[in-house]
C-alpha cells in the first residue's frame, strides 16, 4: 500500500488557508488544508504537468 504524504507550498507560511498536494504513482491529489478529511481532486501526472505549465506563463 502506498502512503499518502500531504504537503503545502513553502509560500503558505504558517497559514492554514492553503491547498495541499500529495503524489502517488497514478495521480496528484489536491485538498483544502482547512478540511483535510473532505473531498480531494485527483489529476493524472500528465494533467498536473499541463496545469503547472499554465501557471508559469
C-alpha atoms as a PDB file:
ATOM      1  CA  UNK A   1       0.000   0.000   0.000  1.00  0.00           C
ATOM      2  CA  UNK A   2       1.252   3.481  -0.888  1.00  0.00           C
ATOM      3  CA  UNK A   3       1.412   6.001   1.981  1.00  0.00           C
ATOM      4  CA  UNK A   4      -0.003   9.388   1.034  1.00  0.00           C
ATOM      5  CA  UNK A   5       2.175  12.273   2.239  1.00  0.00           C
ATOM      6  CA  UNK A   6       0.469  15.646   2.017  1.00  0.00           C
ATOM      7  CA  UNK A   7       2.488  18.841   1.722  1.00  0.00           C
ATOM      8  CA  UNK A   8       1.843  22.581   1.498  1.00  0.00           C
ATOM      9  CA  UNK A   9       3.669  25.159  -0.504  1.00  0.00           C
ATOM     10  CA  UNK A  10       6.592  26.753   1.289  1.00  0.00           C
ATOM     11  CA  UNK A  11       4.966  30.075   0.317  1.00  0.00           C
ATOM     12  CA  UNK A  12       1.991  29.412   2.617  1.00  0.00           C
ATOM     13  CA  UNK A  13       3.990  30.163   5.783  1.00  0.00           C
ATOM     14  CA  UNK A  14       2.042  29.404   8.956  1.00  0.00           C
ATOM     15  CA  UNK A  15      -1.326  29.922   7.286  1.00  0.00           C
ATOM     16  CA  UNK A  16      -3.737  27.017   7.325  1.00  0.00           C
ATOM     17  CA  UNK A  17      -5.647  28.561   4.393  1.00  0.00           C
ATOM     18  CA  UNK A  18      -3.877  26.664   1.707  1.00  0.00           C
ATOM     19  CA  UNK A  19      -4.211  23.752  -0.632  1.00  0.00           C
ATOM     20  CA  UNK A  20      -2.115  20.675  -0.086  1.00  0.00           C
ATOM     21  CA  UNK A  21      -0.915  18.157  -2.641  1.00  0.00           C
ATOM     22  CA  UNK A  22       0.175  14.555  -2.479  1.00  0.00           C
ATOM     23  CA  UNK A  23       1.634  12.472  -5.256  1.00  0.00           C
ATOM     24  CA  UNK A  24       1.119   8.791  -5.924  1.00  0.00           C
ATOM     25  CA  UNK A  25       2.351   6.780  -8.881  1.00  0.00           C
ATOM     26  CA  UNK A  26      -1.036   7.187 -10.598  1.00  0.00           C
ATOM     27  CA  UNK A  27      -2.257  10.631  -9.508  1.00  0.00           C
ATOM     28  CA  UNK A  28      -1.591  14.026  -8.000  1.00  0.00           C
ATOM     29  CA  UNK A  29      -4.122  14.641  -5.229  1.00  0.00           C
ATOM     30  CA  UNK A  30      -5.231  18.107  -4.123  1.00  0.00           C
ATOM     31  CA  UNK A  31      -7.198  19.031  -0.986  1.00  0.00           C
ATOM     32  CA  UNK A  32      -8.142  22.041   1.140  1.00  0.00           C
ATOM     33  CA  UNK A  33      -5.901  22.273   4.207  1.00  0.00           C
ATOM     34  CA  UNK A  34      -8.840  23.536   6.299  1.00  0.00           C
ATOM     35  CA  UNK A  35     -10.901  20.418   5.520  1.00  0.00           C
ATOM     36  CA  UNK A  36      -8.390  17.583   5.357  1.00  0.00           C
ATOM     37  CA  UNK A  37     -10.929  14.733   5.565  1.00  0.00           C
ATOM     38  CA  UNK A  38     -13.063  16.458   2.920  1.00  0.00           C
ATOM     39  CA  UNK A  39     -13.114  15.951  -0.834  1.00  0.00           C
ATOM     40  CA  UNK A  40      -9.981  15.554  -2.925  1.00  0.00           C
ATOM     41  CA  UNK A  41      -9.326  16.407  -6.516  1.00  0.00           C
ATOM     42  CA  UNK A  42      -7.259  13.859  -8.407  1.00  0.00           C
ATOM     43  CA  UNK A  43      -5.317  14.617 -11.585  1.00  0.00           C
ATOM     44  CA  UNK A  44      -3.190  12.382 -13.725  1.00  0.00           C
ATOM     45  CA  UNK A  45       0.508  13.266 -13.661  1.00  0.00           C
ATOM     46  CA  UNK A  46       0.183  14.451 -17.286  1.00  0.00           C
ATOM     47  CA  UNK A  47      -2.756  16.750 -16.443  1.00  0.00           C
ATOM     48  CA  UNK A  48      -0.822  18.121 -13.448  1.00  0.00           C
ATOM     49  CA  UNK A  49       2.147  18.925 -15.697  1.00  0.00           C
ATOM     50  CA  UNK A  50      -0.128  20.822 -18.095  1.00  0.00           C
ATOM     51  CA  UNK A  51      -1.666  22.725 -15.168  1.00  0.00           C
ATOM     52  CA  UNK A  52       1.766  23.725 -13.833  1.00  0.00           C
ATOM     53  CA  UNK A  53       2.888  24.814 -17.295  1.00  0.00           C
ATOM     54  CA  UNK A  54      -0.061  27.242 -17.431  1.00  0.00           C
ATOM     55  CA  UNK A  55       0.860  28.706 -14.040  1.00  0.00           C
ATOM     56  CA  UNK A  56       4.296  29.752 -15.235  1.00  0.00           C
ATOM     57  CA  UNK A  57       3.033  31.668 -18.276  1.00  0.00           C
END
